[in-house]
């Protein structure tokens, strides 16, 4: 029998789960964070201090946190990159470089209306992949949040995520060519959107 996946906003947990959420984030973006450190605990400790609990949704299986998704707005982003935290965690030079590299991606205010959600930081714990965690997180947000438009970004090499988003009804509206694509391992950033003015979500088989 398949274990039930439960979804709940991070700010509705009655205890601090920032470390567990950061652990899933680090697992999900391990390759992207490798330039900072290969020390998993150091990465978790740094990012748990930068997470905005008001925009994260958390998936659990038998009370264990197995997935995360952030629904960012023009008022709050998922993660606020802090230069001091990065320098203290990874050293002055590497921390400064990381801040410069990550600041624009995470700290920049979203140019969108109040009715729009930017879905970011979608990640599933390694041992729970293939169990439908991400689609349940997406389904929960699309069905329970009051936004009229949702958009997200995915790289062209992430075939699994692309299939998931298309299954949920997202369509591409823009793609941009990535600088230093060979080094980063992908050529394009693909931007997809879903407009749901009547909140009726149809998931394709």
N, C-alpha and C. Protein backbone atom coordinates (compact mmCIF):
# COMPACT_ATOMS: atom_id res chain seq x y z
N UNK A 1 0.84 -1.19 0.00
CA UNK A 1 0.00 0.00 0.00
C UNK A 1 0.88 1.25 0.00
N UNK A 2 0.52 2.21 -0.86
CA UNK A 2 1.31 3.42 -1.00
C UNK A 2 1.13 4.34 0.20
N UNK A 3 2.25 4.86 0.73
CA UNK A 3 2.18 5.78 1.85
C UNK A 3 1.53 7.09 1.42
N UNK A 4 0.68 7.63 2.29
CA UNK A 4 -0.03 8.86 1.98
C UNK A 4 0.90 10.06 2.11
N UNK A 5 0.81 10.96 1.10
CA UNK A 5 1.57 12.19 1.12
C UNK A 5 0.68 13.30 1.67
N UNK A 6 1.14 13.96 2.72
CA UNK A 6 0.40 15.06 3.32
C UNK A 6 1.11 16.37 3.01
N UNK A 7 0.33 17.42 2.75
CA UNK A 7 0.89 18.73 2.42
C UNK A 7 0.39 19.76 3.43
N UNK A 8 1.30 20.64 3.85
CA UNK A 8 0.92 21.70 4.78
C UNK A 8 1.87 22.89 4.62
N UNK A 9 1.35 24.13 4.76
CA UNK A 9 2.25 25.29 4.74
C UNK A 9 3.27 25.19 5.86
N UNK A 10 4.50 25.62 5.58
CA UNK A 10 5.57 25.54 6.57
C UNK A 10 5.23 26.31 7.84
N UNK A 11 4.56 27.45 7.70
CA UNK A 11 4.27 28.26 8.87
C UNK A 11 3.14 27.73 9.74
N UNK A 12 2.59 26.58 9.37
CA UNK A 12 1.54 25.96 10.20
C UNK A 12 2.06 24.79 11.04
N UNK A 13 3.34 24.51 10.93
CA UNK A 13 3.94 23.49 11.79
C UNK A 13 4.16 24.11 13.17
N UNK A 14 3.94 23.31 14.19
CA UNK A 14 4.05 23.84 15.56
C UNK A 14 5.47 23.75 16.12
N UNK A 15 6.43 23.48 15.26
CA UNK A 15 7.84 23.47 15.67
C UNK A 15 8.68 24.01 14.52
N UNK A 16 9.91 24.33 14.82
CA UNK A 16 10.83 24.85 13.81
C UNK A 16 11.33 23.70 12.93
N UNK A 17 10.96 23.74 11.65
CA UNK A 17 11.38 22.67 10.73
C UNK A 17 12.33 23.22 9.66
N UNK A 18 12.93 24.38 9.93
CA UNK A 18 13.79 25.01 8.93
C UNK A 18 14.99 24.12 8.55
N UNK A 19 15.51 23.37 9.51
CA UNK A 19 16.64 22.51 9.18
C UNK A 19 16.23 21.39 8.23
N UNK A 20 15.07 20.78 8.50
CA UNK A 20 14.58 19.69 7.64
C UNK A 20 14.26 20.20 6.24
N UNK A 21 13.67 21.39 6.16
CA UNK A 21 13.37 21.98 4.86
C UNK A 21 14.66 22.30 4.11
N UNK A 22 15.63 22.86 4.81
CA UNK A 22 16.92 23.15 4.20
C UNK A 22 17.62 21.88 3.72
N UNK A 23 17.46 20.79 4.45
CA UNK A 23 18.08 19.52 4.06
C UNK A 23 17.52 19.03 2.73
N UNK A 24 16.21 19.16 2.53
CA UNK A 24 15.60 18.76 1.26
C UNK A 24 16.05 19.71 0.15
N UNK A 25 16.13 20.99 0.45
CA UNK A 25 16.62 21.97 -0.53
C UNK A 25 18.04 21.62 -0.98
N UNK A 26 18.90 21.31 -0.03
CA UNK A 26 20.30 20.97 -0.36
C UNK A 26 20.36 19.70 -1.19
N UNK A 27 19.56 18.70 -0.86
CA UNK A 27 19.54 17.46 -1.66
C UNK A 27 19.06 17.75 -3.07
N UNK A 28 18.04 18.59 -3.18
CA UNK A 28 17.47 18.88 -4.49
C UNK A 28 18.38 19.70 -5.38
N UNK A 29 19.20 20.54 -4.79
CA UNK A 29 20.05 21.44 -5.57
C UNK A 29 21.53 21.20 -5.29
N UNK A 30 21.85 19.96 -4.98
CA UNK A 30 23.22 19.59 -4.61
C UNK A 30 24.25 19.97 -5.67
N UNK A 31 23.94 19.72 -6.93
CA UNK A 31 24.89 20.04 -8.00
C UNK A 31 25.11 21.53 -8.13
N UNK A 32 24.04 22.31 -7.96
CA UNK A 32 24.14 23.76 -8.08
C UNK A 32 24.91 24.37 -6.91
N UNK A 33 24.86 23.71 -5.76
CA UNK A 33 25.50 24.25 -4.56
C UNK A 33 26.92 23.72 -4.35
N UNK A 34 27.36 22.83 -5.23
CA UNK A 34 28.67 22.20 -5.05
C UNK A 34 29.81 23.21 -5.08
N UNK A 35 29.61 24.33 -5.79
CA UNK A 35 30.69 25.33 -5.86
C UNK A 35 30.93 25.98 -4.49
N UNK A 36 29.91 25.92 -3.61
CA UNK A 36 30.03 26.49 -2.28
C UNK A 36 30.76 25.56 -1.33
N UNK A 37 30.29 24.31 -1.30
CA UNK A 37 30.88 23.33 -0.39
C UNK A 37 30.34 21.94 -0.69
N UNK A 38 31.15 20.94 -0.35
CA UNK A 38 30.70 19.55 -0.42
C UNK A 38 30.26 19.05 0.95
N UNK A 39 30.32 19.94 1.92
CA UNK A 39 29.92 19.62 3.28
C UNK A 39 28.41 19.85 3.42
N UNK A 40 27.65 18.77 3.40
CA UNK A 40 26.19 18.87 3.41
C UNK A 40 25.68 19.60 4.65
N UNK A 41 26.24 19.31 5.80
CA UNK A 41 25.77 19.93 7.04
C UNK A 41 26.03 21.43 7.04
N UNK A 42 27.15 21.83 6.48
CA UNK A 42 27.47 23.26 6.40
C UNK A 42 26.47 23.98 5.50
N UNK A 43 26.12 23.36 4.38
CA UNK A 43 25.14 23.94 3.47
C UNK A 43 23.77 24.05 4.13
N UNK A 44 23.36 23.00 4.81
CA UNK A 44 22.06 23.00 5.49
C UNK A 44 22.01 24.11 6.53
N UNK A 45 23.06 24.22 7.32
CA UNK A 45 23.09 25.22 8.38
C UNK A 45 23.01 26.64 7.81
N UNK A 46 23.66 26.86 6.67
CA UNK A 46 23.63 28.19 6.06
C UNK A 46 22.26 28.53 5.49
N UNK A 47 21.66 27.59 4.77
CA UNK A 47 20.41 27.90 4.08
C UNK A 47 19.19 27.87 5.00
N UNK A 48 19.26 27.15 6.09
CA UNK A 48 18.11 27.15 7.01
C UNK A 48 17.89 28.54 7.61
N UNK A 49 18.95 29.34 7.67
CA UNK A 49 18.86 30.69 8.23
C UNK A 49 18.33 31.70 7.22
N UNK A 50 18.20 31.29 5.96
CA UNK A 50 17.82 32.22 4.90
C UNK A 50 16.45 31.91 4.29
N UNK A 51 15.78 30.90 4.82
CA UNK A 51 14.49 30.46 4.29
C UNK A 51 13.35 31.33 4.81
N UNK A 52 12.42 31.68 3.92
CA UNK A 52 11.21 32.40 4.33
C UNK A 52 10.09 31.39 4.55
N UNK A 53 9.77 31.13 5.79
CA UNK A 53 8.79 30.09 6.13
C UNK A 53 7.38 30.41 5.66
N UNK A 54 7.10 31.68 5.35
CA UNK A 54 5.74 32.07 4.97
C UNK A 54 5.35 31.67 3.56
N UNK A 55 6.31 31.29 2.72
CA UNK A 55 5.97 30.95 1.33
C UNK A 55 6.23 29.48 0.98
N UNK A 56 6.76 28.71 1.92
CA UNK A 56 7.05 27.31 1.65
C UNK A 56 5.89 26.39 2.01
N UNK A 57 5.73 25.36 1.19
CA UNK A 57 4.80 24.27 1.47
C UNK A 57 5.62 23.00 1.61
N UNK A 58 5.20 22.15 2.52
CA UNK A 58 6.01 21.00 2.90
C UNK A 58 5.22 19.71 2.75
N UNK A 59 5.83 18.72 2.12
CA UNK A 59 5.22 17.40 1.98
C UNK A 59 5.83 16.44 2.99
N UNK A 60 4.97 15.66 3.63
CA UNK A 60 5.45 14.65 4.58
C UNK A 60 4.85 13.29 4.25
N UNK A 61 5.61 12.26 4.58
CA UNK A 61 5.12 10.89 4.54
C UNK A 61 5.41 10.29 5.91
N UNK A 62 4.36 9.89 6.61
CA UNK A 62 4.49 9.37 7.97
C UNK A 62 5.30 10.33 8.85
N UNK A 63 4.95 11.62 8.76
CA UNK A 63 5.55 12.70 9.56
C UNK A 63 7.00 13.01 9.22
N UNK A 64 7.53 12.42 8.17
CA UNK A 64 8.89 12.75 7.74
C UNK A 64 8.81 13.71 6.55
N UNK A 65 9.57 14.80 6.61
CA UNK A 65 9.56 15.79 5.54
C UNK A 65 10.29 15.24 4.32
N UNK A 66 9.58 15.20 3.19
CA UNK A 66 10.13 14.56 1.99
C UNK A 66 10.13 15.47 0.77
N UNK A 67 9.47 16.63 0.86
CA UNK A 67 9.42 17.51 -0.31
C UNK A 67 9.08 18.94 0.08
N UNK A 68 9.51 19.87 -0.77
CA UNK A 68 9.24 21.29 -0.51
C UNK A 68 8.89 22.00 -1.82
N UNK A 69 8.18 23.09 -1.69
CA UNK A 69 7.85 23.95 -2.81
C UNK A 69 7.58 25.34 -2.26
N UNK A 70 8.12 26.36 -2.92
CA UNK A 70 7.87 27.73 -2.47
C UNK A 70 6.97 28.44 -3.47
N UNK A 71 6.01 29.18 -2.93
CA UNK A 71 5.09 29.97 -3.75
C UNK A 71 5.40 31.44 -3.47
N UNK A 72 6.37 31.97 -4.19
CA UNK A 72 6.85 33.33 -3.95
C UNK A 72 5.94 34.36 -4.60
N UNK A 73 5.96 35.58 -4.05
CA UNK A 73 5.13 36.67 -4.55
C UNK A 73 5.98 37.93 -4.74
N UNK A 74 5.32 39.00 -5.17
CA UNK A 74 6.04 40.26 -5.33
C UNK A 74 6.38 40.90 -3.98
N UNK A 75 5.95 40.27 -2.89
CA UNK A 75 6.25 40.77 -1.55
C UNK A 75 7.27 39.91 -0.80
N UNK A 76 7.27 38.60 -1.07
CA UNK A 76 8.16 37.69 -0.36
C UNK A 76 8.74 36.65 -1.31
N UNK A 77 10.06 36.44 -1.18
CA UNK A 77 10.74 35.40 -1.94
C UNK A 77 11.05 34.22 -1.03
N UNK A 78 11.33 33.08 -1.64
CA UNK A 78 11.57 31.84 -0.90
C UNK A 78 12.79 31.92 -0.01
N UNK A 79 13.86 32.46 -0.54
CA UNK A 79 15.13 32.54 0.17
C UNK A 79 15.69 33.94 0.02
N UNK A 80 16.13 34.53 1.11
CA UNK A 80 16.80 35.82 1.06
C UNK A 80 18.29 35.59 1.30
N UNK A 81 19.06 35.79 0.26
CA UNK A 81 20.50 35.53 0.35
C UNK A 81 21.16 36.63 1.19
N UNK A 82 21.85 36.20 2.23
CA UNK A 82 22.47 37.11 3.18
C UNK A 82 24.00 37.00 3.07
N UNK A 83 24.62 38.11 2.75
CA UNK A 83 26.07 38.12 2.53
C UNK A 83 26.85 37.70 3.78
N UNK A 84 26.41 38.20 4.93
CA UNK A 84 27.11 37.88 6.18
C UNK A 84 27.04 36.40 6.49
N UNK A 85 25.87 35.81 6.32
CA UNK A 85 25.72 34.37 6.58
C UNK A 85 26.62 33.56 5.65
N UNK A 86 26.64 33.93 4.38
CA UNK A 86 27.47 33.20 3.42
C UNK A 86 28.95 33.33 3.74
N UNK A 87 29.38 34.53 4.11
CA UNK A 87 30.79 34.72 4.45
C UNK A 87 31.17 33.95 5.71
N UNK A 88 30.29 33.97 6.71
CA UNK A 88 30.57 33.24 7.95
C UNK A 88 30.59 31.74 7.74
N UNK A 89 29.77 31.27 6.80
CA UNK A 89 29.65 29.83 6.57
C UNK A 89 30.73 29.28 5.64
N UNK A 90 31.12 30.07 4.62
CA UNK A 90 31.99 29.53 3.58
C UNK A 90 33.28 30.32 3.37
N UNK A 91 33.51 31.31 4.22
CA UNK A 91 34.71 32.12 4.09
C UNK A 91 34.43 33.40 3.32
N UNK A 92 35.28 34.39 3.55
CA UNK A 92 35.03 35.73 2.99
C UNK A 92 34.98 35.73 1.47
N UNK A 93 35.97 35.12 0.83
CA UNK A 93 36.06 35.16 -0.63
C UNK A 93 34.95 34.35 -1.27
N UNK A 94 34.81 33.10 -0.86
CA UNK A 94 33.78 32.23 -1.46
C UNK A 94 32.38 32.75 -1.12
N UNK A 95 32.20 33.23 0.12
CA UNK A 95 30.90 33.76 0.51
C UNK A 95 30.52 34.99 -0.28
N UNK A 96 31.50 35.87 -0.53
CA UNK A 96 31.25 37.08 -1.32
C UNK A 96 30.90 36.72 -2.76
N UNK A 97 31.64 35.76 -3.32
CA UNK A 97 31.38 35.30 -4.68
C UNK A 97 29.98 34.69 -4.77
N UNK A 98 29.62 33.86 -3.79
CA UNK A 98 28.31 33.22 -3.79
C UNK A 98 27.19 34.25 -3.71
N UNK A 99 27.40 35.27 -2.88
CA UNK A 99 26.39 36.33 -2.76
C UNK A 99 26.20 37.03 -4.09
N UNK A 100 27.28 37.37 -4.74
CA UNK A 100 27.21 38.03 -6.05
C UNK A 100 26.51 37.13 -7.07
N UNK A 101 26.78 35.85 -7.01
CA UNK A 101 26.24 34.88 -7.96
C UNK A 101 24.74 34.61 -7.72
N UNK A 102 24.33 34.62 -6.45
CA UNK A 102 22.97 34.21 -6.10
C UNK A 102 22.01 35.36 -5.78
N UNK A 103 22.55 36.54 -5.51
CA UNK A 103 21.71 37.65 -5.06
C UNK A 103 20.60 37.98 -6.06
N UNK A 104 20.95 38.11 -7.33
CA UNK A 104 19.96 38.52 -8.32
C UNK A 104 18.88 37.46 -8.51
N UNK A 105 19.27 36.19 -8.41
CA UNK A 105 18.31 35.10 -8.61
C UNK A 105 17.30 35.00 -7.48
N UNK A 106 17.75 35.23 -6.24
CA UNK A 106 16.87 35.02 -5.10
C UNK A 106 16.34 36.30 -4.45
N UNK A 107 17.10 37.37 -4.48
CA UNK A 107 16.72 38.57 -3.74
C UNK A 107 15.93 39.58 -4.57
N UNK A 108 15.99 39.46 -5.86
CA UNK A 108 15.33 40.42 -6.74
C UNK A 108 13.81 40.35 -6.57
N UNK A 109 13.19 41.52 -6.43
CA UNK A 109 11.73 41.57 -6.29
C UNK A 109 11.09 41.12 -7.59
N UNK A 110 10.05 40.30 -7.48
CA UNK A 110 9.38 39.79 -8.66
C UNK A 110 8.55 40.88 -9.32
N UNK A 111 8.65 40.96 -10.63
CA UNK A 111 7.90 41.95 -11.40
C UNK A 111 6.58 41.32 -11.85
N UNK A 112 5.63 41.25 -10.94
CA UNK A 112 4.34 40.64 -11.24
C UNK A 112 3.27 41.23 -10.33
N UNK A 113 2.03 40.95 -10.65
CA UNK A 113 0.92 41.48 -9.87
C UNK A 113 0.65 40.69 -8.60
N UNK A 114 -0.24 41.21 -7.79
CA UNK A 114 -0.60 40.55 -6.54
C UNK A 114 -1.31 39.22 -6.77
N UNK A 115 -1.84 39.01 -7.97
CA UNK A 115 -2.58 37.79 -8.26
C UNK A 115 -1.70 36.68 -8.82
N UNK A 116 -0.37 36.89 -8.77
CA UNK A 116 0.56 35.96 -9.41
C UNK A 116 1.50 35.31 -8.40
N UNK A 117 1.75 34.03 -8.61
CA UNK A 117 2.68 33.26 -7.78
C UNK A 117 3.82 32.73 -8.66
N UNK A 118 5.03 32.87 -8.16
CA UNK A 118 6.19 32.30 -8.82
C UNK A 118 6.60 31.05 -8.05
N UNK A 119 6.49 29.90 -8.67
CA UNK A 119 6.82 28.64 -8.03
C UNK A 119 8.31 28.38 -8.16
N UNK A 120 8.98 28.21 -7.02
CA UNK A 120 10.42 27.98 -7.04
C UNK A 120 10.83 27.03 -5.92
N UNK A 121 12.09 26.63 -5.94
CA UNK A 121 12.66 25.75 -4.90
C UNK A 121 11.87 24.45 -4.74
N UNK A 122 11.42 23.88 -5.85
CA UNK A 122 10.72 22.59 -5.80
C UNK A 122 11.78 21.49 -5.66
N UNK A 123 11.67 20.69 -4.61
CA UNK A 123 12.67 19.65 -4.38
C UNK A 123 12.06 18.49 -3.61
N UNK A 124 12.58 17.29 -3.89
CA UNK A 124 12.14 16.08 -3.20
C UNK A 124 13.36 15.36 -2.63
N UNK A 125 13.23 14.86 -1.42
CA UNK A 125 14.31 14.08 -0.80
C UNK A 125 14.64 12.88 -1.70
N UNK A 126 15.91 12.55 -1.78
CA UNK A 126 16.36 11.50 -2.69
C UNK A 126 15.60 10.19 -2.51
N UNK A 127 15.41 9.77 -1.28
CA UNK A 127 14.78 8.47 -1.05
C UNK A 127 13.28 8.45 -1.36
N UNK A 128 12.70 9.63 -1.57
CA UNK A 128 11.26 9.70 -1.83
C UNK A 128 10.93 10.07 -3.27
N UNK A 129 11.94 10.13 -4.12
CA UNK A 129 11.69 10.46 -5.52
C UNK A 129 10.97 9.32 -6.23
N UNK A 130 10.13 9.69 -7.17
CA UNK A 130 9.35 8.69 -7.89
C UNK A 130 8.07 8.29 -7.19
N UNK A 131 7.74 8.95 -6.09
CA UNK A 131 6.53 8.62 -5.33
C UNK A 131 5.40 9.64 -5.51
N UNK A 132 5.61 10.60 -6.41
CA UNK A 132 4.56 11.58 -6.68
C UNK A 132 4.55 12.77 -5.74
N UNK A 133 5.66 13.00 -5.04
CA UNK A 133 5.71 14.09 -4.06
C UNK A 133 5.56 15.45 -4.72
N UNK A 134 6.31 15.70 -5.78
CA UNK A 134 6.27 17.00 -6.44
C UNK A 134 4.90 17.32 -7.02
N UNK A 135 4.27 16.33 -7.63
CA UNK A 135 2.96 16.59 -8.23
C UNK A 135 1.90 16.86 -7.15
N UNK A 136 2.05 16.24 -5.99
CA UNK A 136 1.11 16.50 -4.89
C UNK A 136 1.32 17.90 -4.32
N UNK A 137 2.57 18.34 -4.24
CA UNK A 137 2.85 19.71 -3.80
C UNK A 137 2.25 20.71 -4.79
N UNK A 138 2.47 20.48 -6.08
CA UNK A 138 1.92 21.37 -7.09
C UNK A 138 0.40 21.38 -7.06
N UNK A 139 -0.18 20.20 -6.95
CA UNK A 139 -1.64 20.10 -6.91
C UNK A 139 -2.22 20.87 -5.72
N UNK A 140 -1.56 20.74 -4.57
CA UNK A 140 -2.06 21.41 -3.36
C UNK A 140 -2.06 22.93 -3.56
N UNK A 141 -0.95 23.47 -4.05
CA UNK A 141 -0.83 24.91 -4.23
C UNK A 141 -1.85 25.41 -5.26
N UNK A 142 -1.96 24.71 -6.38
CA UNK A 142 -2.88 25.13 -7.43
C UNK A 142 -4.33 25.10 -6.98
N UNK A 143 -4.64 24.16 -6.12
CA UNK A 143 -6.04 24.01 -5.69
C UNK A 143 -6.40 24.84 -4.46
N UNK A 144 -5.40 25.22 -3.66
CA UNK A 144 -5.70 25.86 -2.38
C UNK A 144 -5.28 27.33 -2.27
N UNK A 145 -4.37 27.77 -3.11
CA UNK A 145 -3.96 29.16 -3.06
C UNK A 145 -4.83 30.01 -3.98
N UNK A 146 -4.97 31.28 -3.66
CA UNK A 146 -5.93 32.15 -4.34
C UNK A 146 -5.35 32.93 -5.51
N UNK A 147 -4.27 32.46 -6.10
CA UNK A 147 -3.66 33.17 -7.22
C UNK A 147 -4.37 32.85 -8.53
N UNK A 148 -4.31 33.80 -9.45
CA UNK A 148 -4.93 33.63 -10.76
C UNK A 148 -3.91 33.17 -11.82
N UNK A 149 -2.65 33.43 -11.54
CA UNK A 149 -1.59 33.04 -12.49
C UNK A 149 -0.41 32.46 -11.72
N UNK A 150 0.11 31.37 -12.25
CA UNK A 150 1.30 30.72 -11.68
C UNK A 150 2.34 30.63 -12.79
N UNK A 151 3.58 30.92 -12.45
CA UNK A 151 4.63 30.71 -13.43
C UNK A 151 5.87 30.15 -12.75
N UNK A 152 6.75 29.59 -13.55
CA UNK A 152 7.94 28.92 -13.02
C UNK A 152 9.02 28.88 -14.08
N UNK A 153 10.18 28.44 -13.65
CA UNK A 153 11.34 28.35 -14.53
C UNK A 153 11.91 26.95 -14.43
N UNK A 154 12.29 26.37 -15.55
CA UNK A 154 12.90 25.05 -15.55
C UNK A 154 13.96 25.02 -16.65
N UNK A 155 15.05 24.29 -16.42
CA UNK A 155 16.10 24.21 -17.45
C UNK A 155 15.74 23.12 -18.46
N UNK A 156 16.25 23.27 -19.66
CA UNK A 156 15.85 22.39 -20.77
C UNK A 156 16.27 20.94 -20.57
N UNK A 157 17.26 20.68 -19.72
CA UNK A 157 17.71 19.30 -19.51
C UNK A 157 16.90 18.56 -18.45
N UNK A 158 16.01 19.26 -17.75
CA UNK A 158 15.22 18.63 -16.68
C UNK A 158 13.93 18.06 -17.27
N UNK A 159 14.07 16.92 -17.96
CA UNK A 159 12.94 16.31 -18.66
C UNK A 159 11.82 15.90 -17.71
N UNK A 160 12.17 15.42 -16.52
CA UNK A 160 11.16 14.97 -15.56
C UNK A 160 10.26 16.14 -15.14
N UNK A 161 10.88 17.26 -14.79
CA UNK A 161 10.11 18.43 -14.38
C UNK A 161 9.26 18.98 -15.53
N UNK A 162 9.82 18.99 -16.73
CA UNK A 162 9.07 19.48 -17.89
C UNK A 162 7.82 18.65 -18.12
N UNK A 163 7.94 17.33 -18.00
CA UNK A 163 6.77 16.46 -18.16
C UNK A 163 5.73 16.74 -17.09
N UNK A 164 6.19 16.93 -15.85
CA UNK A 164 5.28 17.20 -14.74
C UNK A 164 4.51 18.49 -14.99
N UNK A 165 5.21 19.55 -15.36
CA UNK A 165 4.54 20.84 -15.53
C UNK A 165 3.57 20.82 -16.71
N UNK A 166 3.94 20.13 -17.78
CA UNK A 166 3.03 20.01 -18.91
C UNK A 166 1.79 19.21 -18.52
N UNK A 167 1.98 18.19 -17.70
CA UNK A 167 0.86 17.38 -17.23
C UNK A 167 -0.13 18.22 -16.42
N UNK A 168 0.40 19.20 -15.70
CA UNK A 168 -0.44 20.09 -14.89
C UNK A 168 -1.07 21.21 -15.71
N UNK A 169 -0.70 21.32 -16.98
CA UNK A 169 -1.30 22.32 -17.84
C UNK A 169 -0.46 23.56 -18.09
N UNK A 170 0.78 23.58 -17.59
CA UNK A 170 1.66 24.73 -17.83
C UNK A 170 2.11 24.75 -19.29
N UNK A 171 2.22 25.95 -19.85
CA UNK A 171 2.69 26.10 -21.21
C UNK A 171 3.87 27.08 -21.24
N UNK A 172 4.77 26.87 -22.17
CA UNK A 172 5.94 27.74 -22.29
C UNK A 172 5.56 29.10 -22.84
N UNK A 173 6.09 30.16 -22.23
CA UNK A 173 5.86 31.50 -22.78
C UNK A 173 7.16 32.24 -23.09
N UNK A 174 8.28 31.68 -22.66
CA UNK A 174 9.56 32.31 -22.96
C UNK A 174 10.69 31.33 -22.68
N UNK A 175 11.79 31.49 -23.42
CA UNK A 175 13.01 30.76 -23.09
C UNK A 175 14.20 31.66 -23.36
N UNK A 176 15.19 31.55 -22.51
CA UNK A 176 16.38 32.39 -22.65
C UNK A 176 17.62 31.50 -22.70
N UNK A 177 18.55 31.88 -23.56
CA UNK A 177 19.79 31.12 -23.68
C UNK A 177 20.69 31.43 -22.49
N UNK A 178 21.28 30.40 -21.92
CA UNK A 178 22.10 30.53 -20.72
C UNK A 178 23.57 30.80 -21.09
N UNK A 179 24.16 31.76 -20.41
CA UNK A 179 25.59 32.01 -20.57
C UNK A 179 26.39 30.88 -19.91
N UNK A 180 27.53 30.57 -20.45
CA UNK A 180 28.39 29.50 -19.92
C UNK A 180 27.62 28.18 -19.82
N UNK A 181 26.82 27.90 -20.85
CA UNK A 181 25.93 26.74 -20.83
C UNK A 181 26.67 25.41 -20.71
N UNK A 182 27.82 25.31 -21.33
CA UNK A 182 28.57 24.05 -21.25
C UNK A 182 29.00 23.76 -19.82
N UNK A 183 29.44 24.79 -19.12
CA UNK A 183 29.87 24.64 -17.74
C UNK A 183 28.68 24.32 -16.82
N UNK A 184 27.53 24.91 -17.10
CA UNK A 184 26.36 24.73 -16.25
C UNK A 184 25.57 23.47 -16.59
N UNK A 185 25.76 22.94 -17.79
CA UNK A 185 25.10 21.68 -18.14
C UNK A 185 23.73 21.82 -18.76
N UNK A 186 23.33 23.03 -19.14
CA UNK A 186 22.06 23.21 -19.84
C UNK A 186 22.16 24.42 -20.76
N UNK A 187 21.31 24.47 -21.79
CA UNK A 187 21.39 25.54 -22.79
C UNK A 187 20.36 26.64 -22.57
N UNK A 188 19.16 26.26 -22.11
CA UNK A 188 18.09 27.25 -22.01
C UNK A 188 17.37 27.19 -20.67
N UNK A 189 16.91 28.35 -20.24
CA UNK A 189 15.94 28.43 -19.14
C UNK A 189 14.58 28.59 -19.79
N UNK A 190 13.65 27.70 -19.43
CA UNK A 190 12.31 27.72 -20.01
C UNK A 190 11.34 28.26 -18.97
N UNK A 191 10.54 29.25 -19.36
CA UNK A 191 9.56 29.85 -18.46
C UNK A 191 8.17 29.38 -18.88
N UNK A 192 7.43 28.86 -17.91
CA UNK A 192 6.11 28.30 -18.18
C UNK A 192 5.07 28.95 -17.26
N UNK A 193 3.82 28.99 -17.73
CA UNK A 193 2.78 29.63 -16.96
C UNK A 193 1.48 28.83 -17.02
N UNK A 194 0.65 29.08 -16.01
CA UNK A 194 -0.68 28.48 -15.96
C UNK A 194 -1.63 29.55 -15.42
N UNK A 195 -2.65 29.88 -16.21
CA UNK A 195 -3.65 30.85 -15.79
C UNK A 195 -4.90 30.10 -15.36
N UNK A 196 -5.36 30.36 -14.14
CA UNK A 196 -6.49 29.62 -13.58
C UNK A 196 -7.48 30.60 -12.93
N UNK A 197 -8.13 31.44 -13.72
CA UNK A 197 -9.05 32.41 -13.15
C UNK A 197 -10.24 31.80 -12.42
N UNK A 198 -10.64 30.58 -12.82
CA UNK A 198 -11.77 29.94 -12.14
C UNK A 198 -11.34 28.84 -11.18
N UNK A 199 -9.98 28.67 -11.01
CA UNK A 199 -9.41 27.69 -10.07
C UNK A 199 -9.80 26.26 -10.38
N UNK A 200 -10.13 25.97 -11.63
CA UNK A 200 -10.45 24.60 -12.01
C UNK A 200 -9.22 23.97 -12.67
N UNK A 201 -8.57 23.08 -11.93
CA UNK A 201 -7.34 22.46 -12.41
C UNK A 201 -7.63 21.07 -12.97
N UNK A 202 -7.21 20.85 -14.20
CA UNK A 202 -7.38 19.53 -14.80
C UNK A 202 -6.00 18.92 -15.01
N UNK A 203 -5.74 17.80 -14.37
CA UNK A 203 -4.45 17.12 -14.52
C UNK A 203 -4.59 16.02 -15.56
N UNK A 204 -3.76 16.13 -16.59
CA UNK A 204 -3.83 15.16 -17.69
C UNK A 204 -3.24 13.82 -17.27
N UNK A 205 -3.74 12.77 -17.85
CA UNK A 205 -3.20 11.44 -17.58
C UNK A 205 -1.98 11.18 -18.45
